[in-house]
Structure formats: structure tokens, C-alpha cells
Protein backbone atom coordinates (compact mmCIF):
# COMPACT_ATOMS: atom_id res chain seq x y z
CA UNK A 1 43.46 36.16 8.23
CA UNK A 2 46.08 33.43 8.05
CA UNK A 3 45.59 32.88 11.76
CA UNK A 4 41.82 32.64 11.29
CA UNK A 5 42.19 29.95 8.56
CA UNK A 6 44.50 27.98 10.74
CA UNK A 7 42.13 27.94 13.67
CA UNK A 8 39.26 27.10 11.34
CA UNK A 9 41.36 24.26 9.93
CA UNK A 10 42.30 22.87 13.36
CA UNK A 11 38.78 22.89 14.20
CA UNK A 12 37.84 20.73 11.15
CA UNK A 13 40.94 18.24 11.91
CA UNK A 14 39.80 17.65 15.58
CA UNK A 15 36.46 17.28 14.07
CA UNK A 16 37.61 14.64 11.49
CA UNK A 17 39.57 12.77 14.06
CA UNK A 18 36.34 12.23 16.15
CA UNK A 19 34.07 11.72 13.06
CA UNK A 20 36.43 9.06 11.72
CA UNK A 21 36.52 7.42 14.95
CA UNK A 22 32.89 7.69 15.42
CA UNK A 23 32.25 6.19 12.00
CA UNK A 24 34.70 3.34 12.80
CA UNK A 25 33.06 2.64 16.11
CA UNK A 26 29.52 2.86 14.44
CA UNK A 27 30.87 0.33 11.67
CA UNK A 28 32.08 -2.23 14.31
CA UNK A 29 28.57 -1.67 15.88
CA UNK A 30 26.99 -2.61 12.92
CA UNK A 31 29.36 -5.80 12.39
CA UNK A 32 28.65 -7.17 15.83
CA UNK A 33 24.96 -6.48 15.85
CA UNK A 34 24.50 -8.78 12.93
CA UNK A 35 25.72 -12.14 14.62
CA UNK A 36 23.83 -10.49 18.07
CA UNK A 37 20.81 -10.06 16.24
CA UNK A 38 21.05 -13.59 14.64
CA UNK A 39 21.51 -15.19 18.10
CA UNK A 40 18.85 -13.18 20.22
CA UNK A 41 16.60 -12.21 17.54
CA UNK A 42 14.35 -9.16 17.52
CA UNK A 43 12.70 -10.26 20.70
CA UNK A 44 16.06 -10.50 22.38
CA UNK A 45 16.87 -7.00 21.01
CA UNK A 46 13.95 -5.53 22.59
CA UNK A 47 14.98 -7.03 25.93
CA UNK A 48 18.55 -5.76 25.39
CA UNK A 49 17.17 -2.30 24.31
CA UNK A 50 14.96 -2.11 27.48
CA UNK A 51 17.88 -2.60 30.00
CA UNK A 52 20.41 -0.68 27.83
CA UNK A 53 17.99 2.31 27.70
CA UNK A 54 17.73 2.57 31.49
CA UNK A 55 21.28 2.34 32.00
CA UNK A 56 21.67 4.95 29.44
CA UNK A 57 19.31 7.23 31.25
CA UNK A 58 21.28 6.92 34.61
CA UNK A 59 24.73 7.16 32.71
CA UNK A 60 23.70 10.75 31.38
CA UNK A 61 22.44 11.74 34.85
CA UNK A 62 25.78 10.56 36.40
CA UNK A 63 28.28 11.44 33.96
CA UNK A 64 27.18 11.96 30.29
CA UNK A 65 27.21 15.73 30.52
CA UNK A 66 30.73 15.65 31.87
CA UNK A 67 33.15 15.62 28.80
CA UNK A 68 31.56 18.57 27.10
CA UNK A 69 31.15 20.49 30.44
CA UNK A 70 34.85 19.83 31.47
CA UNK A 71 36.10 20.46 27.90
CA UNK A 72 34.52 24.01 28.06
CA UNK A 73 35.83 24.78 31.48
CA UNK A 74 39.33 23.50 30.72
CA UNK A 75 39.59 25.35 27.52
CA UNK A 76 38.53 28.62 28.82
CA UNK A 77 41.12 28.17 31.60
CA UNK A 78 43.87 27.15 29.27
CA UNK A 79 43.27 30.08 27.18
CA UNK A 80 44.03 32.30 29.91
CA UNK A 81 46.96 30.63 30.96
CA UNK A 82 45.40 29.02 34.09
CA UNK A 83 46.90 25.48 33.81
CA UNK A 84 46.67 24.87 37.64
CA UNK A 85 42.97 25.76 37.70
CA UNK A 86 42.32 23.78 34.54
CA UNK A 87 43.95 20.69 36.35
CA UNK A 88 41.94 21.31 39.49
CA UNK A 89 38.75 21.04 37.13
CA UNK A 90 40.02 17.44 36.23
CA UNK A 91 40.53 16.38 39.88
CA UNK A 92 37.30 17.81 41.20
CA UNK A 93 35.33 16.38 38.05
CA UNK A 94 37.07 13.00 38.90
CA UNK A 95 35.54 12.87 42.57
CA UNK A 96 32.27 14.11 41.16
CA UNK A 97 32.02 11.45 38.56
CA UNK A 98 33.34 8.72 41.15
CA UNK A 99 30.59 9.61 43.64
CA UNK A 100 27.68 9.73 41.20
CA UNK A 101 28.85 6.66 39.05
CA UNK A 102 29.04 4.66 42.44
CA UNK A 103 25.49 5.76 43.54
CA UNK A 104 24.30 4.95 40.07
CA UNK A 105 25.92 1.56 40.26
CA UNK A 106 24.09 0.55 43.40
CA UNK A 107 20.79 1.87 42.35
CA UNK A 108 20.83 -0.06 39.12
CA UNK A 109 21.99 -3.29 40.59
CA UNK A 110 19.80 -3.05 43.83
CA UNK A 111 16.55 -1.94 42.22
CA UNK A 112 17.17 -3.81 38.75
CA UNK A 113 13.77 -6.11 39.26
CA UNK A 114 11.33 -3.25 40.07
CA UNK A 115 12.91 -1.12 37.38
CA UNK A 116 12.48 -4.05 35.04
CA UNK A 117 8.81 -4.36 36.10
CA UNK A 118 7.91 -0.69 35.78
CA UNK A 119 8.79 -0.62 32.00
CA UNK A 120 6.67 -3.95 31.25
CA UNK A 121 9.95 -5.77 30.61
CA UNK A 122 10.73 -8.23 33.57
CA UNK A 123 12.93 -10.01 31.35
CA UNK A 124 15.30 -7.30 31.11
CA UNK A 125 16.52 -7.57 34.89
CA UNK A 126 19.61 -9.68 33.94
CA UNK A 127 20.70 -6.76 31.35
CA UNK A 128 20.23 -4.01 33.86
CA UNK A 129 22.09 -5.61 36.69
CA UNK A 130 25.06 -6.55 34.14
CA UNK A 131 25.21 -2.92 33.02
CA UNK A 132 25.43 -1.52 36.72
CA UNK A 133 29.12 -1.51 37.02
CA UNK A 134 29.64 0.14 33.56
CA UNK A 135 28.16 3.37 35.35
CA UNK A 136 31.23 3.90 37.50
CA UNK A 137 33.69 2.83 34.67
CA UNK A 138 32.47 5.18 32.27
CA UNK A 139 32.22 8.08 34.60
CA UNK A 140 35.86 8.02 35.29
CA UNK A 141 36.46 7.59 31.28
CA UNK A 142 34.31 10.62 30.81
CA UNK A 143 36.56 12.68 32.95
CA UNK A 144 39.64 11.88 31.19
CA UNK A 145 38.16 12.41 27.81
CA UNK A 146 36.71 15.89 28.60
CA UNK A 147 40.11 17.13 30.11
CA UNK A 148 42.25 15.98 27.03
CA UNK A 149 39.43 17.44 24.84
CA UNK A 150 39.44 20.79 26.59
CA UNK A 151 43.28 20.78 25.83
CA UNK A 152 42.13 20.28 22.15
CA UNK A 153 43.59 16.66 22.02
CA UNK A 154 40.96 14.54 20.33
CA UNK A 155 43.29 11.33 19.71
CA UNK A 156 42.87 9.80 23.08
CA UNK A 157 38.98 10.04 22.80
CA UNK A 158 39.21 8.68 19.32
CA UNK A 159 41.41 5.87 20.09
CA UNK A 160 39.61 4.99 23.53
CA UNK A 161 36.17 4.73 21.62
CA UNK A 162 37.65 2.35 19.21
CA UNK A 163 39.33 0.08 21.36
CA UNK A 164 36.24 0.06 23.66
CA UNK A 165 34.00 -0.70 20.79
CA UNK A 166 36.22 -3.63 19.63
CA UNK A 167 36.14 -5.49 23.17
CA UNK A 168 32.56 -4.57 23.13
CA UNK A 169 31.88 -6.33 20.07
CA UNK A 170 34.01 -9.48 20.77
CA UNK A 171 32.79 -10.08 24.45
CA UNK A 172 29.05 -9.14 23.43
CA UNK A 173 28.95 -11.78 20.85
CA UNK A 174 30.93 -14.50 22.51
CA UNK A 175 28.85 -14.05 25.86
CA UNK A 176 25.40 -13.74 24.15
CA UNK A 177 26.48 -17.16 22.01
CA UNK A 178 27.20 -18.94 25.27
CA UNK A 179 24.32 -17.75 27.42
CA UNK A 180 21.51 -17.76 24.75
CA UNK A 181 21.60 -21.44 25.00
CA UNK A 182 20.02 -21.12 28.27
CA UNK A 183 17.59 -18.44 27.47
CA UNK A 184 17.00 -15.44 25.33
CA UNK A 185 16.96 -12.96 28.51
CA UNK A 186 20.33 -14.37 29.30
CA UNK A 187 21.71 -13.99 25.92
CA UNK A 188 20.60 -10.23 25.80
CA UNK A 189 22.38 -9.90 29.07
CA UNK A 190 25.47 -11.42 27.49
CA UNK A 191 25.27 -8.63 24.91
CA UNK A 192 25.22 -6.12 27.61
CA UNK A 193 28.00 -7.69 29.33
CA UNK A 194 30.50 -6.64 26.39
CA UNK A 195 29.47 -3.16 27.00
CA UNK A 196 31.18 -3.00 30.52
CA UNK A 197 34.09 -5.12 29.41
CA UNK A 198 34.49 -2.67 26.37
CA UNK A 199 34.38 0.43 28.85
CA UNK A 200 37.14 -0.94 31.07
CA UNK A 201 39.27 -1.42 28.08
CA UNK A 202 38.71 2.19 26.69
CA UNK A 203 39.42 3.45 30.29
CA UNK A 204 42.80 1.75 30.38
CA UNK A 205 43.50 3.37 26.96
CA UNK A 206 42.57 6.88 28.00
CA UNK A 207 44.50 6.56 31.22
CA UNK A 208 47.77 5.66 29.25
CA UNK A 209 47.21 8.88 26.94
CA UNK A 210 46.68 11.06 30.10
CA UNK A 211 50.12 9.75 31.59
CA UNK A 212 51.81 10.46 28.34
CA UNK A 213 50.62 13.94 28.41
CA UNK A 214 51.15 14.53 32.25
CA UNK A 215 54.79 15.70 31.85
CA UNK A 216 53.74 18.67 29.69
CA UNK A 217 50.57 19.21 31.98
CA UNK A 218 52.90 19.41 35.08
CA UNK A 219 55.40 21.73 33.00
CA UNK A 220 52.67 24.28 32.18
CA UNK A 221 51.46 24.37 35.67
CA UNK A 222 55.04 25.23 36.98
CA UNK A 223 55.59 27.79 34.18
CA UNK A 224 52.39 29.60 34.70
CA UNK A 225 52.19 33.14 36.03
CA UNK A 226 52.01 33.01 39.92
CA UNK A 227 50.02 35.90 40.18
CA UNK A 228 46.95 34.24 38.79
CA UNK A 229 43.90 33.58 40.89
CA UNK A 230 43.78 29.86 42.08
CA UNK A 231 40.29 28.67 42.52
CA UNK A 232 39.07 26.66 45.21
CA UNK A 233 37.67 23.19 45.00
CA UNK A 234 34.14 24.60 45.92
CA UNK A 235 34.33 27.25 43.07
CA UNK A 236 35.28 24.28 40.59
CA UNK A 237 32.66 22.26 41.49
CA UNK A 238 30.15 25.01 41.27
CA UNK A 239 31.24 26.19 37.84
CA UNK A 240 31.36 22.48 36.93
CA UNK A 241 27.70 22.04 38.18
CA UNK A 242 26.53 25.20 36.59
CA UNK A 243 27.88 24.14 33.20
CA UNK A 244 27.22 20.31 33.48
CA UNK A 245 23.83 20.18 34.74
CA UNK A 246 21.94 22.14 31.85
CA UNK A 247 23.97 19.83 29.56
CA UNK A 248 22.82 16.76 31.39
CA UNK A 249 19.38 18.28 31.59
CA UNK A 250 19.17 18.59 27.65
CA UNK A 251 20.75 15.38 27.12
CA UNK A 252 18.49 13.59 29.55
CA UNK A 253 15.56 14.93 28.15
CA UNK A 254 16.35 13.35 24.73
CA UNK A 255 17.44 10.18 26.17
CA UNK A 256 13.80 10.38 27.79
CA UNK A 257 12.50 9.98 24.50
CA UNK A 258 13.91 6.49 24.46
CA UNK A 259 12.41 5.76 27.79
CA UNK A 260 9.15 7.10 26.70
CA UNK A 261 9.24 4.90 23.51
CA UNK A 262 10.21 1.79 25.83
CA UNK A 263 7.19 2.43 28.19
CA UNK A 264 4.65 3.94 25.72
CA UNK A 265 5.39 1.41 22.90
CA UNK A 266 5.31 -1.59 25.08
CA UNK A 267 2.36 -0.71 27.12
CA UNK A 268 0.23 0.67 24.16
CA UNK A 269 1.04 -2.37 21.99
CA UNK A 270 -0.03 -4.61 24.89
CA UNK A 271 -3.54 -2.55 25.38
CA UNK A 272 -3.97 -3.02 21.48
CA UNK A 273 -3.96 -6.74 21.79
CA UNK A 274 -0.34 -7.65 21.20
CA UNK A 275 1.32 -10.51 23.38
CA UNK A 276 4.45 -9.67 25.25
CA UNK A 277 6.57 -11.75 22.86
CA UNK A 278 5.08 -9.53 19.62
CA UNK A 279 5.61 -6.35 21.33
CA UNK A 280 9.21 -7.07 22.50
CA UNK A 281 9.59 -8.19 18.72
CA UNK A 282 8.34 -4.75 17.32
CA UNK A 283 10.27 -2.77 19.80
CA UNK A 284 13.33 -4.86 19.07
CA UNK A 285 13.02 -3.71 15.53
CA UNK A 286 12.60 -0.08 16.73
CA UNK A 287 15.66 -0.24 18.95
CA UNK A 288 18.05 -2.71 17.21
CA UNK A 289 17.38 -1.64 13.58
CA UNK A 290 15.91 1.84 13.24
CA UNK A 291 17.92 3.44 16.00
CA UNK A 292 21.21 1.47 14.83
CA UNK A 293 20.78 2.46 11.23
CA UNK A 294 19.78 6.01 11.63
CA UNK A 295 22.39 7.05 14.38
CA UNK A 296 25.48 6.19 12.10
CA UNK A 297 25.52 9.40 10.06
CA UNK A 298 24.63 11.29 13.09
CA UNK A 299 27.83 10.31 14.72
CA UNK A 300 29.73 12.59 12.43
CA UNK A 301 27.83 15.54 13.53
CA UNK A 302 27.93 14.67 17.10
CA UNK A 303 31.74 14.59 16.62
CA UNK A 304 31.83 17.80 15.14
CA UNK A 305 29.57 19.27 18.11
CA UNK A 306 32.20 17.91 20.40
CA UNK A 307 34.96 19.39 18.61
CA UNK A 308 33.10 22.67 18.43
CA UNK A 309 32.78 23.22 22.07
CA UNK A 310 36.42 24.13 23.05
CA UNK A 311 37.32 25.83 19.69
CA UNK A 312 34.19 28.09 19.97
CA UNK A 313 34.63 28.88 23.62
CA UNK A 314 38.11 29.83 22.92
CA UNK A 315 37.06 32.09 20.23
CA UNK A 316 34.41 33.79 22.61
CA UNK A 317 37.04 34.19 25.23
CA UNK A 318 39.37 36.02 22.71
CA UNK A 319 36.28 38.05 21.51
CA UNK A 320 36.66 36.99 17.97
CA UNK A 321 33.22 37.28 16.86
CA UNK A 322 34.12 36.88 13.13
CA UNK A 323 35.60 33.46 13.71
CA UNK A 324 32.85 32.28 15.88
CA UNK A 325 30.33 33.12 12.92
CA UNK A 326 32.71 31.45 10.68
CA UNK A 327 32.92 28.38 12.52
CA UNK A 328 29.11 28.17 13.21
CA UNK A 329 28.24 28.37 9.41
CA UNK A 330 31.15 25.82 8.68
CA UNK A 331 29.97 23.36 11.42
CA UNK A 332 26.28 23.53 10.04
CA UNK A 333 27.19 23.45 6.56
CA UNK A 334 29.27 20.41 7.08
CA UNK A 335 26.81 18.57 9.09
CA UNK A 336 24.05 19.01 6.60
CA UNK A 337 25.93 18.09 3.61
CA UNK A 338 26.64 14.69 4.99
CA UNK A 339 23.07 14.19 6.90
CA UNK A 340 20.85 15.02 4.12
CA UNK A 341 22.22 12.55 1.55
CA UNK A 342 22.33 9.92 4.10
CA UNK A 343 18.73 10.43 5.05
CA UNK A 344 17.74 10.21 1.46
CA UNK A 345 19.97 7.06 0.91
CA UNK A 346 18.91 5.04 4.03
CA UNK A 347 15.36 6.01 3.39
CA UNK A 348 15.29 4.72 -0.30
CA UNK A 349 17.12 1.69 0.28
CA UNK A 350 15.84 0.66 3.65
CA UNK A 351 14.66 -2.93 2.95
CA UNK A 352 17.65 -3.51 0.90
CA UNK A 353 20.09 -2.41 3.78
CA UNK A 354 18.17 -4.46 6.21
CA UNK A 355 18.17 -7.55 4.00
CA UNK A 356 21.92 -7.02 3.59
CA UNK A 357 22.84 -6.26 7.13
CA UNK A 358 20.34 -8.70 9.06
CA UNK A 359 19.48 -11.58 6.11
CA UNK A 360 17.64 -14.01 8.63
CA UNK A 361 15.85 -11.03 10.74
CA UNK A 362 15.14 -8.34 7.87
CA UNK A 363 11.83 -7.15 8.99
CA UNK A 364 11.48 -3.16 9.94
CA UNK A 365 11.80 -1.37 6.60
CA UNK A 366 8.82 0.50 7.12
CA UNK A 367 10.41 2.10 10.47
CA UNK A 368 13.58 3.13 8.52
CA UNK A 369 11.69 4.79 5.62
CA UNK A 370 9.31 6.74 8.32
CA UNK A 371 12.34 7.74 10.35
CA UNK A 372 15.32 8.44 7.69
CA UNK A 373 14.29 12.25 7.85
CA UNK A 374 15.34 12.26 11.44
CA UNK A 375 18.84 11.90 10.60
CA UNK A 376 19.11 15.59 9.30
CA UNK A 377 17.02 17.02 12.35
CA UNK A 378 18.88 15.22 14.74
CA UNK A 379 22.39 16.16 13.25
CA UNK A 380 20.98 19.72 13.24
CA UNK A 381 19.98 19.52 16.78
CA UNK A 382 23.39 18.14 17.90
CA UNK A 383 25.54 20.49 16.08
CA UNK A 384 23.44 23.77 17.02
CA UNK A 385 23.54 22.23 20.59
CA UNK A 386 27.39 22.11 20.58
CA UNK A 387 27.73 25.53 19.25
CA UNK A 388 25.21 26.96 22.05
CA UNK A 389 27.29 25.13 24.53
CA UNK A 390 30.47 26.57 23.23
CA UNK A 391 29.22 30.20 23.40
CA UNK A 392 27.82 29.51 26.85
CA UNK A 393 24.24 29.28 26.20
CA UNK A 394 23.76 25.84 27.57
CA UNK A 395 20.41 26.16 28.92
CA UNK A 396 18.66 26.95 25.25
CA UNK A 397 19.19 23.40 24.20
CA UNK A 398 17.24 21.99 27.30
CA UNK A 399 14.24 24.23 26.49
CA UNK A 400 14.40 22.85 22.75
CA UNK A 401 14.91 19.29 24.06
CA UNK A 402 11.89 19.71 26.59
CA UNK A 403 9.62 21.03 23.73
CA UNK A 404 10.70 18.20 21.66
CA UNK A 405 9.88 15.53 24.14
CA UNK A 406 6.38 17.11 24.87
CA UNK A 407 5.54 16.73 20.95
CA UNK A 408 6.96 13.03 21.08
CA UNK A 409 4.67 12.02 23.94
CA UNK A 410 1.71 13.61 22.14
CA UNK A 411 2.18 11.92 18.92
CA UNK A 412 3.26 8.71 20.49
CA UNK A 413 -0.17 8.59 22.40
CA UNK A 414 -2.02 9.48 19.17
CA UNK A 415 -0.20 7.30 16.55
CA UNK A 416 0.95 4.02 18.27
CA UNK A 417 -2.65 2.69 19.15
CA UNK A 418 -3.64 2.84 15.50
CA UNK A 419 -3.31 -0.62 14.42
CA UNK A 420 -2.12 0.13 10.75
CA UNK A 421 0.69 2.29 12.26
CA UNK A 422 1.65 0.59 15.52
CA UNK A 423 5.42 0.91 16.27
CA UNK A 424 6.07 3.09 13.14
CA UNK A 425 4.02 5.97 14.98
CA UNK A 426 6.85 6.10 17.47
CA UNK A 427 9.27 6.72 14.68
CA UNK A 428 7.19 9.63 13.15
CA UNK A 429 6.79 11.12 16.66
CA UNK A 430 10.69 11.08 16.91
CA UNK A 431 10.76 12.71 13.63
CA UNK A 432 8.59 15.58 14.97
CA UNK A 433 10.43 15.60 18.12
CA UNK A 434 13.62 16.29 16.46
CA UNK A 435 12.25 18.86 14.21
CA UNK A 436 10.82 20.76 16.90
CA UNK A 437 13.99 20.80 18.89
CA UNK A 438 16.18 21.59 16.00
CA UNK A 439 13.81 24.52 14.81
CA UNK A 440 13.92 26.09 18.17
CA UNK A 441 17.67 25.72 18.69
CA UNK A 442 18.40 27.20 15.42
CA UNK A 443 16.07 29.99 15.90
CA UNK A 444 17.46 30.90 19.31
CA UNK A 445 21.20 30.40 17.87
CA UNK A 446 20.55 33.10 15.06
CA UNK A 447 18.86 35.60 17.86
CA UNK A 448 21.69 35.16 20.23
CA UNK A 449 24.93 35.38 17.99
CA UNK A 450 23.51 37.11 14.92
CA UNK A 451 24.54 34.46 12.66
CA UNK A 452 22.51 33.98 9.52
CA UNK A 453 22.94 30.40 8.33
CA UNK A 454 23.42 29.98 4.61
CA UNK A 455 20.34 28.05 4.01
CA UNK A 456 20.97 27.76 0.09
CA UNK A 457 24.31 26.28 0.89
CA UNK A 458 23.23 24.37 4.05
CA UNK A 459 19.90 22.86 3.09
CA UNK A 460 18.60 23.68 -0.60
CA UNK A 461 21.79 22.67 -2.42
CA UNK A 462 22.26 19.46 -0.56
CA UNK A 463 18.46 18.45 -0.81
CA UNK A 464 18.35 18.91 -4.68
CA UNK A 465 21.57 17.09 -5.07
CA UNK A 466 20.39 14.25 -2.84
CA UNK A 467 17.13 14.02 -5.14
CA UNK A 468 19.27 13.47 -8.00
CA UNK A 469 21.24 11.06 -6.36
CA UNK A 470 18.11 9.06 -5.25
CA UNK A 471 17.13 8.62 -8.85
CA UNK A 472 20.49 7.25 -9.82
CA UNK A 473 20.73 5.28 -6.61
CA UNK A 474 17.32 3.40 -7.29
CA UNK A 475 18.50 2.98 -11.02
CA UNK A 476 21.87 1.60 -10.12
CA UNK A 477 20.19 -0.96 -7.76
CA UNK A 478 17.82 -2.22 -10.51
CA UNK A 479 20.72 -2.56 -13.10
CA UNK A 480 23.07 -4.30 -10.56
CA UNK A 481 20.39 -6.57 -9.55
CA UNK A 482 20.11 -8.00 -12.98
CA UNK A 483 23.35 -9.89 -12.48
CA UNK A 484 24.17 -9.83 -8.81
CA UNK A 485 22.51 -10.60 -5.44
CA UNK A 486 21.11 -7.95 -2.90
CA UNK A 487 24.23 -7.33 -1.10
CA UNK A 488 26.40 -6.48 -4.10
CA UNK A 489 23.42 -4.39 -5.67
CA UNK A 490 23.05 -2.47 -2.43
CA UNK A 491 26.64 -1.85 -2.08
CA UNK A 492 27.00 -0.82 -5.65
CA UNK A 493 24.10 1.46 -5.51
CA UNK A 494 25.60 3.20 -2.38
CA UNK A 495 28.87 3.91 -4.21
CA UNK A 496 27.26 5.08 -7.30
CA UNK A 497 24.96 7.35 -5.10
CA UNK A 498 27.84 8.83 -3.28
CA UNK A 499 29.62 9.58 -6.76
CA UNK A 500 26.61 11.12 -8.14
CA UNK A 501 26.04 13.31 -5.17
CA UNK A 502 29.77 14.63 -4.99
CA UNK A 503 29.54 15.34 -8.72
CA UNK A 504 26.27 17.18 -8.46
CA UNK A 505 27.49 19.12 -5.36
CA UNK A 506 30.55 20.13 -7.31
CA UNK A 507 28.72 21.25 -10.42
CA UNK A 508 26.32 23.43 -8.56
CA UNK A 509 29.16 24.87 -6.24
CA UNK A 510 27.53 23.18 -3.31
CA UNK A 511 31.02 22.44 -2.10
CA UNK A 512 33.63 24.97 -2.92
CA UNK A 513 37.45 25.16 -3.26
CA UNK A 514 37.44 27.02 -0.08
CA UNK A 515 35.49 24.02 1.83
CA UNK A 516 38.11 21.48 0.77
CA UNK A 517 40.96 23.62 1.76
CA UNK A 518 39.63 23.75 5.41
CA UNK A 519 39.72 19.71 5.60
CA UNK A 520 42.41 17.29 5.71
CA UNK A 521 43.99 16.38 2.16
CA UNK A 522 41.52 18.76 0.76
CA UNK A 523 44.05 20.69 -1.37
CA UNK A 524 44.96 17.47 -3.09
CA UNK A 525 41.28 16.55 -3.73
CA UNK A 526 40.93 19.88 -5.33
CA UNK A 527 43.68 19.28 -7.85
CA UNK A 528 42.05 16.00 -8.83
CA UNK A 529 38.80 17.60 -9.33
CA UNK A 530 40.19 20.40 -11.48
CA UNK A 531 41.95 17.96 -13.61
CA UNK A 532 38.40 16.13 -14.06
CA UNK A 533 37.05 19.64 -14.71
CA UNK A 534 34.80 19.15 -12.02
CA UNK A 535 35.86 22.42 -10.36
CA UNK A 536 37.31 25.76 -12.14
């Protein structure tokens, strides 16, 4: 029992490391998007997003599935003591990522103009060409991250993400400021140039961490049992492809929803009578504000999903079914008790948050209100996908993503052409997309594992407490707004909302002492709550 608790605590610790890094990265992302939006405006954001979404799609096809795939392959081999095979996974993956990254880079640079024209955004050609070298850089970085994650070492990924985002933020703003004086499209390209510079800085950091661990890696290889089967490069490549391709397919399908929006939103708005500039502005609000805000809390569940893959894969290899079930329920519960109140909070303070973050470009609150619920659905989808990948059922999320994408296309086509809805229709379609995908994935997870999620703990209690929190949040904002401006009132309301939610969850035992004991510093928090008589 003690060993099980230790394993569970280790999973939460690793998830906490990645979640903390993700929050820091998202926060830095918020900070630099403020001056960037002021420099290039919503129109520039639309141009920026068009180029960035194309780059993201090719990135997914070339390397985005590698960290999860490599992590799983490495962790299963290390569990069996096959350290040389684990390192061979790393070497084969490096060659694979380098080849695909180089091909993607050439395609993106050479065919930038026809690609930009195809998505009805010719001004994005500079952004596309600027992002081309980043495909190769991120490909290499993904391999290092996946290898170290498979060894259950999450700190290098966390640190490289933070360094990457710092460099991205600084150079994106500086280059945008320099180039926007010539034109908005060039200013947007300056913003995307920071992405490549940041990725290169992140690659250097992850390489340094790798060489720090290399001595231990070599020692483990030298001490392993010589009777173990040594896999060939061809066998490793086959395993890598069989593991990575379904992950890539599922991720690519969800990425296609962004491409679908980029193509359908722009073309449908133009067909409805909007000018090219007006369509770019609306698309810029969708991509630069709605996506930026709603993906912040989702980054926590994404980190948890990343941490879940190697640890659940290890439990599967060891045949520890009870530990698999415990980890699945814990991951689902933690994801929902964070994402559900986040969805409520962002939804009810949408206009206030936009005014605080983008004081000169604060339009787009309706998008946030309509799309806040997607935070919970996407968080659920990501964590369940991570669990399914951890237990080896990597094809299931692909089907779920495909079903969601089909729903997305259908509702985009129905809603966007309606003048009173326009771009909000894309957000509503995204809500439906993630609802369909998460429902399918969760249903399949329960059938495959036999795990019965604790829906009362996972959904009902967080939702009830979020409703109470929402009332307190609205009241707090109105009280603060009597004496203070929007920024202080919004921040104050958020703090009050967090306190109300936590107290409400403690009172109805939505968060238990056992939950706190499985997170870093949880025991100390329990003592404080007991002194406050919020826990028995």
C-alpha cells in the first residue's frame, strides 16, 4: 500500500512540475501578447494566427507526437531493464525527427505563397517563411523531451519550456516593434520570428540537461543484463511509427479544427459581405483572444496527461490494475476540479478580463462567453487521451478527434454565415467538437479499463461549488468597482472567487485530506485547513 501511495505521489509531483511550467509559460505568453496585440492589432493577430496554424499543423505531422510516443517506448523498456534499447529509441527518433523536420522546413519555405493564398490570407506569407526553420529545431527538441520524460525526469522539459517562452516573448515583441513600422504583415512576421529564436534557446537547455544525465544513462547501459534481447533500428522505427502515428493522427485532427476555422471563418465571412480586413480582425479576435485565454487552464490538464503516459504505462507493464484505476480517477478528478471553475470564472468575467489584458483592443468578449465551456471539455479530452495512450489504446483518441472534427465542420457551416452570430459560430462549433470527442473517449475508457469515474467527485461537486463561486465573484467585482478601476476589481474578484471555491469544496468534501496528501506540500495545507476548521 505504501509503495502504491509513493507511486501515486510521484505521478502527481511530475504532473505538478509540468503544470507549473505550463502555467508560467502561459503567463509569459499572456504578458507578451499584450504589447504584441497593441503593436499589430486584431488584424495583425489574424495574419499571425494564419501563418502559425499552418506551421503548427506541419509541426504535428513531423514531430508533435514524438514526445508522448518516445516517452511511452522508453518507460516500458526501462521498466524491463532494457536501457540500451531505450537509448536506441532515442537515436532512431532523432534521425526520424531530423528527416521529417527538414522536409517540413523545405515545404513551408518553398511553398509559403501558394499555402497563404489557399487559406485566403496572402499577407501571412512572411509569417509562414519565418516559421519554417522552427520545424527542424522543435523536432530535435521533442526527441530530447520525450526521452527524458520516459525516464520520468520532467524538470528538463519544464525548464526548456520556460526558457523557450522567455526568449520567444522578448524577441517577438522587439522584432514586431521594429517591423510593424513598415507594415502590419511584417510586424506579424516579427512576432512569429520570436517563436524560432525561443525554440532554439529551449533546444540548447534540453541538450544541457541530457548531457547532465548521460553519465547515468551510460552506466545503466553498461550494467544491464547482457542476456536481454537487443532490438534493431528497424524494429525500433516500426515500434516508434506504430506508437507515434496514431498519436500524431489524433493531434493532427484536432489541429485541423484550427485550420478549418482559418479557412471556413475567413471564406464564409468574405462570402457574407465582410471585407478582407474586417474578416482578419474577427479571426484575430478568435485566435488571439479566445484561444489564448481558454488554453491557459487547459495547459494544466495537458501537463497531467504528459505525466500520466509513462507512469500509467509502467503500471500496465507491471500488471498493477488497481494502481492504473487509481491513477486514472485521480487524473480525471484533478483535471476537472481545476478546469470547471476556470470555465465559469473566465466566462462570467470575459469582458472585464479582456479590458484588463487588452485595454486598447478589448473587443471579443462574446467569443469568451460562448467558448468558456470548452475549457472543461478540452481538459477532459486531453487527460483521457493521455490515459488511453498510457495503456496502449492510442487509436481510440483518433476516432474521437475525427468525430469531433466532423461535428466542427457541420456546425461551422451552419452557424458562421448567420449575420447575428458570425465568428461566434466557430466558437460554439468548437464547444460541440470537444464535447463529442471527450464523451466518446471517456465512454471508451470506461469500457476498456473497467474504471468507473467518480462523476459526483469529478463533475457534480466542482460544478455546484463553481456556481456558488460565480455569485461571489460577480458580487466581489461590483463591490471593488465602486472604489477601484477595472484591473484591480477584476484581480480582486478572481482572488475572492478562488477562496470561495476552495472553501466550498472543502465544506462539501469535494477535496479530501487524501487528495491533499498526494500533492506537494499537501500535508502542510491540511494542517492549516484543520486549524481553520475547514477540515476535520
